[in-house]
Amino acid sequence: MNYILWMLFSIFLSVPSSANFNFTRPSGFKFGVATAAYQIEGGWNVDGKGENIWDRFTHTSKKIKDGTNGDVACDSYHLWRKDVELLEYLGVDFYRFSLSWTRILPNGFHNKINKPGIAYYNNLIDLLISKGIEPMVTLYHWDLPQPIQDLGGWINPKTADYFAEYARLAFALFGNRVKTWITINEPASICVAPYEYNDGAPGIISPGIGSYLCGKTVLIAHAKAYRIYQAEFAHSQQGKVGITIDSGWAEPRHGNMDDQDAADREMQMSFGWFVHPIFSATGDYPLVMSHRISTISLMQNFTESRLPAFSDDEKKLLKGSADFLGLNHYHTWMVSNKQYPLNQVSFDADKSIRKETNSSWPDKEILPWGLIKLLTWIKTEYNNPLVYITENGIGDTTGNISDTKRIQFLEEYINATVYAAKVEGCNVAKYTVWSLMDNMEWTSGYTIKFGLYQVDFKNPAKTRNPKTSAAFFKGLIMK
């Protein structure tokens, strides 16, 4: 469907644009901003912190666009008080940040606990609370301890137990003050990006096999952490535990059945892969995913499906193992059917879809109708679960103080979120901007800027300066 037809269709569906839907904060709706430990903290080997896979990857590979690393980054390990000042200025309801596993457990295992790392997070949490800012804490944002990676990392099922032990310690240390926990951020970025596309740590390529083994371990790790919280901490701490999954929206390129089926496969096999086992009424992988991969695997002369099955006990462990669904959203794609060679072993070949943008879209980066469609799809597919948008934002290559496009993006996507909640009845209760400040954007290094605050990385003081979007976001929160 071209853009003009989509616009006519969207009017019929009452999908708004920022011009005809004015923002009014729903009752109880909360706003925040997000960061991740590796991307901002720096202090990569100080005060007892151990090595993680992104430390190793950035130091030994040549895969970072500008040849940089996160050794210092925004230096938030030393400048955390300044970070809280930025948050206080914005007036956010909550701050989403992640714990560095190896800052707390330097080798990843419970036998060695690092007191300076614990003090760092205690100080940050206490200062946030004193300023009326709720801490939303992610346990794992991609920085696996290197000693655990040396044992196979997320390919090794035992890693789920190591993660569960780490989660139990974090709940015990911080759960008296932290009431919103995210176990794992973006399983697809952990499993698909590196193992399928060689994009990021640990730098191991295993398309169509390693990615699926990783996915199962990550899901089991999440579920084990959730069950620990429910059994040991929920009664006394009264918190919520969820998982964050990233998803674009897949729009059929044409109205034919092939493209409609392709768009559905994209949603089921990319998003549903990690959401269906937890939030669906049936549990397990989406049927189209398990059936396709099993069938193609046998046609490729594998003796069993490349997608590792869940046991009955694992299905029970997973089903219902979240109090909310964290949603990261950045893209909308036109999706169509694509044929791959039968002998190609990969996630892409298993899905057999093509993703592209539409030349008739006036701006390929600002497509808020895609978020509305995604939220309504989640509502229908998973019985309207509680959703927190845990990341949404737009990057640029300049990092200029005047960032009018980011303002436009935020206005339209926040309007879309509120519309989905108030008009479509989607159970979405929080919106989080990525990111508080410019930071180390993984394999892109410092070439992409997502922050509401500009960071002068050439200055040893890592000076933070508000962009025009910071003032806009502050004003919106105050409405």
Protein backbone atom coordinates (compact mmCIF):
# COMPACT_ATOMS: atom_id res chain seq x y z
CA MET A 1 0.00 0.00 0.00
CA ASN A 2 1.54 3.36 -0.98
CA TYR A 3 1.69 6.26 1.47
CA ILE A 4 -1.29 8.16 0.00
CA LEU A 5 -3.50 5.08 0.23
CA TRP A 6 -2.21 4.45 3.73
CA MET A 7 -3.14 7.97 4.78
CA LEU A 8 -6.67 7.52 3.43
CA PHE A 9 -6.89 4.17 5.16
CA SER A 10 -5.52 5.63 8.40
CA ILE A 11 -8.20 8.33 8.41
CA PHE A 12 -10.79 5.57 8.22
CA LEU A 13 -9.08 3.92 11.19
CA SER A 14 -8.87 7.26 13.02
CA VAL A 15 -5.08 7.05 13.25
CA PRO A 16 -3.89 10.56 14.19
CA SER A 17 -1.08 12.81 13.15
CA SER A 18 0.49 15.35 15.51
CA ALA A 19 -1.53 18.03 13.75
CA ASN A 20 -4.91 16.65 14.79
CA PHE A 21 -4.25 15.01 18.15
CA ASN A 22 -3.05 17.26 20.94
CA PHE A 23 -1.15 15.76 23.85
CA THR A 24 -2.88 15.37 27.20
CA ARG A 25 -1.17 13.12 29.69
CA PRO A 26 -3.41 10.20 30.70
CA SER A 27 -3.99 9.73 34.41
CA GLY A 28 -1.08 7.84 35.96
CA PHE A 29 1.02 7.92 32.78
CA LYS A 30 4.75 8.36 33.45
CA PHE A 31 7.70 9.70 31.47
CA GLY A 32 11.36 8.83 31.73
CA VAL A 33 14.67 8.58 29.93
CA ALA A 34 17.06 5.64 29.49
CA THR A 35 20.75 4.78 29.40
CA ALA A 36 22.81 1.59 29.61
CA ALA A 37 25.85 0.85 31.74
CA TYR A 38 28.40 0.07 29.03
CA GLN A 39 27.32 3.05 26.96
CA ILE A 40 27.76 5.73 29.65
CA GLU A 41 29.63 4.52 32.72
CA GLY A 42 33.24 4.22 31.61
CA GLY A 43 35.47 3.12 34.48
CA TRP A 44 35.81 -0.16 32.63
CA ASN A 45 38.51 -1.62 34.90
CA VAL A 46 38.47 0.53 38.03
CA ASP A 47 37.48 -0.30 41.62
CA GLY A 48 37.39 -4.05 41.01
CA LYS A 49 35.17 -4.18 37.92
CA GLY A 50 35.74 -7.24 35.74
CA GLU A 51 35.91 -7.55 31.96
CA ASN A 52 32.75 -8.00 29.91
CA ILE A 53 32.25 -9.04 26.30
CA TRP A 54 31.99 -5.45 25.05
CA ASP A 55 35.25 -4.55 26.78
CA ARG A 56 36.89 -7.48 24.98
CA PHE A 57 35.14 -6.87 21.67
CA THR A 58 36.00 -3.17 21.43
CA HIS A 59 39.59 -3.77 22.48
CA THR A 60 40.31 -6.64 20.08
CA SER A 61 38.04 -6.31 17.05
CA LYS A 62 37.97 -3.75 14.27
CA LYS A 63 34.19 -3.69 14.10
CA ILE A 64 33.59 -0.31 15.80
CA LYS A 65 32.90 2.32 13.15
CA ASP A 66 35.14 5.03 14.60
CA GLY A 67 37.60 2.68 16.34
CA THR A 68 36.47 3.77 19.82
CA ASN A 69 35.35 1.93 22.95
CA GLY A 70 33.45 2.45 26.18
CA ASP A 71 36.47 2.66 28.46
CA VAL A 72 35.51 6.21 29.51
CA ALA A 73 32.34 6.91 27.54
CA CYS A 74 30.33 9.61 29.39
CA ASP A 75 32.29 8.84 32.58
CA SER A 76 29.05 8.39 34.51
CA TYR A 77 30.90 6.17 36.97
CA HIS A 78 32.41 9.39 38.29
CA LEU A 79 29.79 11.90 37.12
CA TRP A 80 26.63 10.21 38.38
CA ARG A 81 25.69 13.20 40.51
CA LYS A 82 25.76 15.36 37.39
CA ASP A 83 23.54 12.85 35.61
CA VAL A 84 20.96 13.13 38.38
CA GLU A 85 21.06 16.93 38.01
CA LEU A 86 20.15 16.49 34.32
CA LEU A 87 17.27 14.22 35.27
CA GLU A 88 16.06 16.64 37.93
CA TYR A 89 16.03 19.48 35.38
CA LEU A 90 13.94 17.40 32.96
CA GLY A 91 11.44 16.55 35.70
CA VAL A 92 11.19 12.90 34.68
CA ASP A 93 9.11 10.45 36.68
CA PHE A 94 11.67 7.67 36.34
CA TYR A 95 15.18 6.90 35.10
CA ARG A 96 15.87 3.64 33.33
CA PHE A 97 19.50 2.53 33.71
CA SER A 98 21.26 -0.81 33.73
CA LEU A 99 23.57 -2.53 36.16
CA SER A 100 26.95 -3.69 34.94
CA TRP A 101 27.07 -7.39 35.87
CA THR A 102 30.89 -7.34 36.19
CA ARG A 103 30.87 -4.22 38.36
CA ILE A 104 28.96 -6.25 40.95
CA LEU A 105 30.34 -9.74 40.22
CA PRO A 106 33.73 -9.17 38.55
CA ASN A 107 34.07 -12.66 37.08
CA GLY A 108 30.33 -13.15 36.64
CA PHE A 109 30.01 -15.69 39.42
CA HIS A 110 28.63 -15.30 42.91
CA ASN A 111 31.88 -16.30 44.65
CA LYS A 112 33.36 -12.81 44.32
CA ILE A 113 31.25 -9.74 45.14
CA ASN A 114 32.62 -6.24 44.48
CA LYS A 115 31.70 -3.79 47.23
CA PRO A 116 32.72 -0.58 45.36
CA GLY A 117 30.40 -1.54 42.52
CA ILE A 118 27.53 -2.09 44.91
CA ALA A 119 28.26 1.26 46.59
CA TYR A 120 28.14 3.00 43.21
CA TYR A 121 24.63 1.74 42.46
CA ASN A 122 23.44 2.30 46.03
CA ASN A 123 24.57 5.93 45.82
CA LEU A 124 22.86 6.46 42.47
CA ILE A 125 19.61 4.83 43.57
CA ASP A 126 19.51 6.75 46.84
CA LEU A 127 20.11 10.11 45.14
CA LEU A 128 17.43 9.41 42.52
CA ILE A 129 14.88 8.60 45.20
CA SER A 130 15.82 11.70 47.21
CA LYS A 131 14.97 13.76 44.11
CA GLY A 132 11.63 12.02 43.60
CA ILE A 133 12.85 10.02 40.58
CA GLU A 134 11.91 6.35 40.40
CA PRO A 135 14.77 3.99 39.46
CA MET A 136 13.84 1.53 36.69
CA VAL A 137 16.67 -0.98 36.63
CA THR A 138 17.72 -3.30 33.81
CA LEU A 139 19.73 -6.28 34.97
CA TYR A 140 21.28 -7.10 31.61
CA HIS A 141 21.94 -4.67 28.76
CA TRP A 142 24.30 -6.78 26.60
CA ASP A 143 27.47 -6.74 28.77
CA LEU A 144 27.98 -10.43 29.60
CA PRO A 145 30.97 -11.22 31.84
CA GLN A 146 33.84 -12.42 29.65
CA PRO A 147 34.57 -15.48 31.86
CA ILE A 148 30.99 -16.67 31.22
CA GLN A 149 31.41 -16.02 27.50
CA ASP A 150 34.56 -18.15 27.63
CA LEU A 151 32.29 -21.03 28.70
CA GLY A 152 30.01 -20.48 25.70
CA GLY A 153 28.03 -17.44 26.80
CA TRP A 154 24.35 -17.47 25.92
CA ILE A 155 24.86 -20.59 23.79
CA ASN A 156 25.57 -22.47 27.03
CA PRO A 157 22.30 -23.29 28.88
CA LYS A 158 24.16 -22.98 32.19
CA THR A 159 24.37 -19.22 31.61
CA ALA A 160 20.69 -19.02 32.57
CA ASP A 161 21.64 -20.24 36.06
CA TYR A 162 24.51 -17.79 36.34
CA PHE A 163 22.15 -14.98 35.38
CA ALA A 164 19.57 -16.15 37.92
CA GLU A 165 22.17 -16.04 40.70
CA TYR A 166 23.16 -12.52 39.67
CA ALA A 167 19.51 -11.45 39.57
CA ARG A 168 18.87 -12.84 43.05
CA LEU A 169 21.80 -10.82 44.42
CA ALA A 170 20.57 -7.63 42.71
CA PHE A 171 17.06 -8.09 44.10
CA ALA A 172 18.51 -8.60 47.57
CA LEU A 173 20.83 -5.60 47.36
CA PHE A 174 18.56 -3.02 45.74
CA GLY A 175 15.00 -4.34 45.75
CA ASN A 176 13.99 -2.50 48.91
CA ARG A 177 14.16 0.68 46.79
CA VAL A 178 13.88 -0.51 43.18
CA LYS A 179 10.28 -1.39 42.31
CA THR A 180 10.56 -1.81 38.54
CA TRP A 181 12.96 -4.39 37.14
CA ILE A 182 13.75 -5.34 33.55
CA THR A 183 15.55 -8.66 33.38
CA ILE A 184 17.00 -8.53 29.86
CA ASN A 185 17.08 -5.83 27.19
CA GLU A 186 16.42 -6.81 23.57
CA PRO A 187 17.09 -10.55 23.22
CA ALA A 188 17.27 -10.12 19.44
CA SER A 189 20.18 -7.70 19.82
CA ILE A 190 21.92 -10.28 22.01
CA CYS A 191 21.25 -13.26 19.76
CA VAL A 192 20.35 -12.22 16.22
CA ALA A 193 22.66 -9.25 15.65
CA PRO A 194 25.94 -10.97 16.58
CA TYR A 195 25.26 -14.59 15.62
CA GLU A 196 23.43 -13.84 12.35
CA TYR A 197 25.11 -10.65 11.14
CA ASN A 198 28.42 -10.42 13.01
CA ASP A 199 27.19 -7.16 14.50
CA GLY A 200 28.62 -6.79 17.98
CA ALA A 201 29.94 -8.83 20.87
CA PRO A 202 30.83 -11.65 21.27
CA GLY A 203 31.86 -11.66 17.60
CA ILE A 204 30.82 -15.26 16.90
CA ILE A 205 28.95 -16.03 13.68
CA SER A 206 26.47 -18.93 13.77
CA PRO A 207 23.43 -18.05 11.64
CA GLY A 208 20.34 -20.18 11.96
CA ILE A 209 21.83 -22.22 14.81
CA GLY A 210 23.68 -20.18 17.43
CA SER A 211 21.07 -17.44 17.35
CA TYR A 212 18.31 -19.91 18.27
CA LEU A 213 20.35 -21.58 21.00
CA CYS A 214 21.09 -18.13 22.42
CA GLY A 215 17.42 -17.17 22.27
CA LYS A 216 16.31 -20.15 24.30
CA THR A 217 18.90 -19.57 27.03
CA VAL A 218 18.01 -15.88 27.27
CA LEU A 219 14.32 -16.69 27.67
CA ILE A 220 14.99 -19.32 30.33
CA ALA A 221 17.32 -16.90 32.14
CA HIS A 222 14.57 -14.28 32.23
CA ALA A 223 11.98 -16.75 33.50
CA LYS A 224 14.26 -18.08 36.24
CA ALA A 225 14.97 -14.56 37.47
CA TYR A 226 11.25 -13.73 37.44
CA ARG A 227 10.35 -16.87 39.43
CA ILE A 228 13.08 -16.09 41.99
CA TYR A 229 11.61 -12.63 42.51
CA GLN A 230 8.09 -13.99 42.89
CA ALA A 231 9.14 -16.70 45.33
CA GLU A 232 11.63 -14.75 47.45
CA PHE A 233 11.09 -11.00 47.10
CA ALA A 234 7.68 -10.03 45.71
CA HIS A 235 5.81 -10.21 49.01
CA SER A 236 8.23 -7.96 50.92
CA GLN A 237 9.37 -5.66 48.10
CA GLN A 238 6.12 -5.26 46.13
CA GLY A 239 7.88 -4.64 42.82
CA LYS A 240 7.26 -5.53 39.18
CA VAL A 241 9.54 -7.58 36.92
CA GLY A 242 9.35 -7.59 33.14
CA ILE A 243 11.44 -8.07 30.02
CA THR A 244 12.16 -5.62 27.19
CA ILE A 245 11.69 -6.75 23.59
CA ASP A 246 12.46 -4.56 20.60
CA SER A 247 10.16 -4.49 17.60
CA GLY A 248 9.51 -2.50 14.51
CA TRP A 249 6.18 -2.61 12.74
CA ALA A 250 5.83 -4.78 9.63
CA GLU A 251 3.44 -3.28 7.09
CA PRO A 252 2.57 -5.47 4.04
CA ARG A 253 4.09 -3.89 0.96
CA HIS A 254 1.09 -4.81 -1.16
CA GLY A 255 -2.40 -6.04 -0.40
CA ASN A 256 -1.77 -9.53 -1.76
CA MET A 257 -1.84 -12.57 0.50
CA ASP A 258 1.88 -13.32 0.08
CA ASP A 259 2.92 -9.95 1.49
CA GLN A 260 0.33 -10.07 4.24
CA ASP A 261 1.63 -13.49 5.26
CA ALA A 262 5.21 -12.16 5.10
CA ALA A 263 4.37 -9.26 7.39
CA ASP A 264 2.72 -11.62 9.85
CA ARG A 265 5.79 -13.92 9.77
CA GLU A 266 8.01 -10.95 10.53
CA MET A 267 5.93 -10.01 13.56
CA GLN A 268 5.59 -13.59 14.80
CA MET A 269 9.18 -14.70 14.21
CA SER A 270 11.04 -11.52 15.23
CA PHE A 271 8.84 -10.17 18.03
CA GLY A 272 6.72 -13.21 18.86
CA TRP A 273 9.84 -15.38 19.19
CA PHE A 274 10.49 -13.75 22.57
CA VAL A 275 7.02 -12.52 23.52
CA HIS A 276 4.85 -15.54 22.68
CA PRO A 277 6.40 -17.96 25.22
CA ILE A 278 5.75 -15.45 28.02
CA PHE A 279 2.59 -13.52 27.14
CA SER A 280 0.47 -15.76 24.90
CA ALA A 281 -2.39 -17.90 26.15
CA THR A 282 -0.73 -21.02 24.72
CA GLY A 283 2.93 -20.37 25.56
CA ASP A 284 5.79 -21.81 23.49
CA TYR A 285 7.13 -20.33 20.26
CA PRO A 286 4.67 -18.98 17.68
CA LEU A 287 3.36 -21.92 15.68
CA VAL A 288 4.47 -20.46 12.35
CA MET A 289 8.03 -20.16 13.68
CA SER A 290 8.37 -23.65 15.10
CA HIS A 291 6.68 -25.24 12.07
CA ARG A 292 8.74 -23.39 9.45
CA ILE A 293 12.11 -23.92 11.11
CA SER A 294 11.40 -27.59 11.76
CA THR A 295 10.27 -28.18 8.18
CA ILE A 296 13.17 -26.29 6.61
CA SER A 297 15.69 -27.95 8.94
CA LEU A 298 14.60 -31.43 7.87
CA MET A 299 14.69 -30.40 4.20
CA GLN A 300 18.29 -29.27 4.80
CA ASN A 301 19.17 -32.74 6.16
CA PHE A 302 19.36 -31.75 9.81
CA THR A 303 18.19 -34.56 12.07
CA GLU A 304 16.06 -32.22 14.16
CA SER A 305 14.84 -28.65 14.15
CA ARG A 306 17.51 -25.99 14.51
CA LEU A 307 15.09 -24.21 16.87
CA PRO A 308 15.60 -25.87 20.28
CA ALA A 309 12.32 -27.02 21.79
CA PHE A 310 11.11 -26.13 25.25
CA SER A 311 10.31 -28.98 27.62
CA ASP A 312 6.91 -28.99 29.29
CA ASP A 313 8.54 -27.72 32.49
CA GLU A 314 10.27 -24.91 30.58
CA LYS A 315 7.00 -23.89 28.94
CA LYS A 316 5.39 -23.71 32.37
CA LEU A 317 8.37 -21.75 33.72
CA LEU A 318 8.08 -19.20 30.89
CA LYS A 319 4.33 -18.76 30.56
CA GLY A 320 3.18 -15.71 32.51
CA SER A 321 6.71 -14.86 33.67
CA ALA A 322 6.38 -11.07 33.42
CA ASP A 323 4.40 -8.33 35.12
CA PHE A 324 4.80 -6.04 32.12
CA LEU A 325 6.15 -6.01 28.58
CA GLY A 326 8.92 -3.53 27.92
CA LEU A 327 8.82 -2.35 24.32
CA ASN A 328 11.66 -0.70 22.39
CA HIS A 329 10.52 0.74 19.07
CA TYR A 330 12.52 2.54 16.37
CA HIS A 331 11.42 1.45 12.89
CA THR A 332 8.52 0.69 10.56
CA TRP A 333 9.16 -1.38 7.44
CA MET A 334 7.36 -2.37 4.29
CA VAL A 335 7.52 -6.16 4.21
CA SER A 336 7.11 -8.57 1.32
CA ASN A 337 7.72 -12.23 0.57
CA LYS A 338 11.22 -13.24 -0.54
CA GLN A 339 12.56 -16.60 -1.67
CA TYR A 340 15.89 -17.84 -0.33
CA PRO A 341 18.00 -20.80 -1.48
CA LEU A 342 17.00 -23.95 0.38
CA ASN A 343 20.58 -24.56 1.48
CA GLN A 344 20.91 -21.17 3.19
CA VAL A 345 20.91 -21.71 6.94
CA SER A 346 19.91 -18.43 8.55
CA PHE A 347 17.17 -16.62 10.43
CA ASP A 348 16.46 -14.49 7.35
CA ALA A 349 16.02 -17.55 5.16
CA ASP A 350 13.74 -19.13 7.73
CA LYS A 351 11.53 -16.03 7.72
CA SER A 352 11.74 -15.54 3.94
CA ILE A 353 10.83 -11.87 4.01
CA ARG A 354 12.19 -8.63 2.58
CA LYS A 355 12.22 -5.41 4.63
CA GLU A 356 12.48 -1.99 3.02
CA THR A 357 11.23 1.54 3.33
CA ASN A 358 8.66 3.06 1.01
CA SER A 359 9.87 5.79 -1.32
CA SER A 360 6.50 7.56 -0.98
CA TRP A 361 6.91 8.06 2.77
CA PRO A 362 7.74 11.75 3.33
CA ASP A 363 10.09 10.88 6.21
CA LYS A 364 11.27 7.31 6.66
CA GLU A 365 12.37 7.97 10.26
CA ILE A 366 9.17 9.49 11.61
CA LEU A 367 6.29 7.05 11.14
CA PRO A 368 4.22 7.20 14.34
CA TRP A 369 1.34 5.26 12.80
CA GLY A 370 3.64 2.24 12.91
CA LEU A 371 3.81 2.50 16.71
CA ILE A 372 0.03 2.74 16.96
CA LYS A 373 -0.35 -0.35 14.79
CA LEU A 374 2.26 -2.19 16.85
CA LEU A 375 0.57 -1.37 20.16
CA THR A 376 -2.86 -2.36 18.86
CA TRP A 377 -1.41 -5.59 17.47
CA ILE A 378 0.07 -6.39 20.90
CA LYS A 379 -3.28 -5.62 22.49
CA THR A 380 -5.07 -8.07 20.19
CA GLU A 381 -2.40 -10.76 20.05
CA TYR A 382 -1.60 -10.94 23.77
CA ASN A 383 -4.81 -9.88 25.54
CA ASN A 384 -3.74 -6.29 26.17
CA PRO A 385 -0.79 -6.75 28.55
CA LEU A 386 0.65 -3.89 30.57
CA VAL A 387 3.20 -2.24 28.26
CA TYR A 388 5.99 0.17 29.10
CA ILE A 389 7.71 1.80 26.14
CA THR A 390 11.25 1.43 27.44
CA GLU A 391 13.05 3.00 24.46
CA ASN A 392 12.01 5.29 21.64
CA GLY A 393 14.17 7.88 19.97
CA ILE A 394 15.96 9.12 16.89
CA GLY A 395 19.66 9.48 16.21
CA ASP A 396 21.66 11.91 14.12
CA THR A 397 25.30 12.26 13.14
CA THR A 398 25.81 15.84 14.28
CA GLY A 399 24.84 16.00 17.92
CA ASN A 400 23.96 19.67 17.42
CA ILE A 401 22.33 21.61 20.22
CA SER A 402 19.51 22.57 17.87
CA ASP A 403 17.80 19.24 17.19
CA THR A 404 14.43 20.17 15.75
CA LYS A 405 13.94 16.81 14.09
CA ARG A 406 14.19 15.07 17.46
CA ILE A 407 11.53 17.42 18.79
CA GLN A 408 9.26 16.53 15.88
CA PHE A 409 9.94 12.84 16.46
CA LEU A 410 9.16 13.00 20.16
CA GLU A 411 6.01 15.05 19.65
CA GLU A 412 4.59 12.67 17.08
CA TYR A 413 5.54 9.43 18.84
CA ILE A 414 4.36 10.61 22.24
CA ASN A 415 1.09 11.68 20.64
CA ALA A 416 0.87 8.25 19.03
CA THR A 417 1.49 6.53 22.36
CA VAL A 418 -1.17 8.57 24.13
CA TYR A 419 -3.60 8.01 21.26
CA ALA A 420 -3.06 4.25 21.49
CA ALA A 421 -3.79 4.40 25.20
CA LYS A 422 -6.78 6.76 25.21
CA VAL A 423 -8.49 5.91 21.93
CA GLU A 424 -7.45 2.35 21.07
CA GLY A 425 -7.52 1.20 24.69
CA CYS A 426 -3.97 -0.13 24.71
CA ASN A 427 -2.65 -0.77 28.21
CA VAL A 428 0.47 1.37 27.82
CA ALA A 429 1.53 3.28 30.93
CA LYS A 430 5.09 4.58 30.49
CA TYR A 431 7.15 6.24 27.78
CA THR A 432 10.94 6.34 27.83
CA VAL A 433 13.18 8.44 25.59
CA TRP A 434 16.42 6.95 24.32
CA SER A 435 18.58 8.55 25.47
CA LEU A 436 19.38 10.92 28.32
CA MET A 437 22.63 11.91 26.62
CA ASP A 438 24.85 11.09 23.67
CA ASN A 439 26.80 7.93 24.38
CA MET A 440 28.75 4.98 23.01
CA GLU A 441 26.33 3.47 20.47
CA TRP A 442 27.87 0.00 20.26
CA THR A 443 29.36 -0.78 16.81
CA SER A 444 28.53 2.76 15.69
CA GLY A 445 30.84 4.13 18.38
CA TYR A 446 30.26 7.83 18.92
CA THR A 447 29.17 8.54 15.33
CA ILE A 448 25.44 8.42 16.16
CA LYS A 449 23.88 10.77 18.72
CA PHE A 450 20.57 9.99 20.44
CA GLY A 451 20.80 12.23 23.50
CA LEU A 452 18.63 14.97 24.89
CA TYR A 453 21.98 16.24 26.15
CA GLN A 454 25.09 16.76 24.08
CA VAL A 455 28.29 15.34 25.55
CA ASP A 456 31.69 16.83 24.71
CA PHE A 457 33.69 13.62 24.46
CA LYS A 458 36.90 15.53 23.65
CA ASN A 459 36.72 17.35 26.97
CA PRO A 460 38.10 15.33 29.90
CA ALA A 461 35.19 16.70 31.97
CA LYS A 462 32.70 15.15 29.49
CA THR A 463 30.61 18.32 29.67
CA ARG A 464 26.86 17.80 29.22
CA ASN A 465 24.85 20.51 27.45
CA PRO A 466 21.07 20.47 26.97
CA LYS A 467 19.78 20.32 23.42
CA THR A 468 16.58 22.07 22.41
CA SER A 469 14.81 18.70 22.71
CA ALA A 470 15.60 18.64 26.44
CA ALA A 471 13.62 21.84 26.98
CA PHE A 472 10.81 20.49 24.79
CA PHE A 473 10.61 17.23 26.73
CA LYS A 474 10.71 19.07 30.05
CA GLY A 475 7.81 21.28 28.94
CA LEU A 476 5.79 18.32 27.78
CA ILE A 477 6.26 16.47 31.07
CA MET A 478 5.06 19.50 32.98
CA LYS A 479 1.73 19.65 31.11
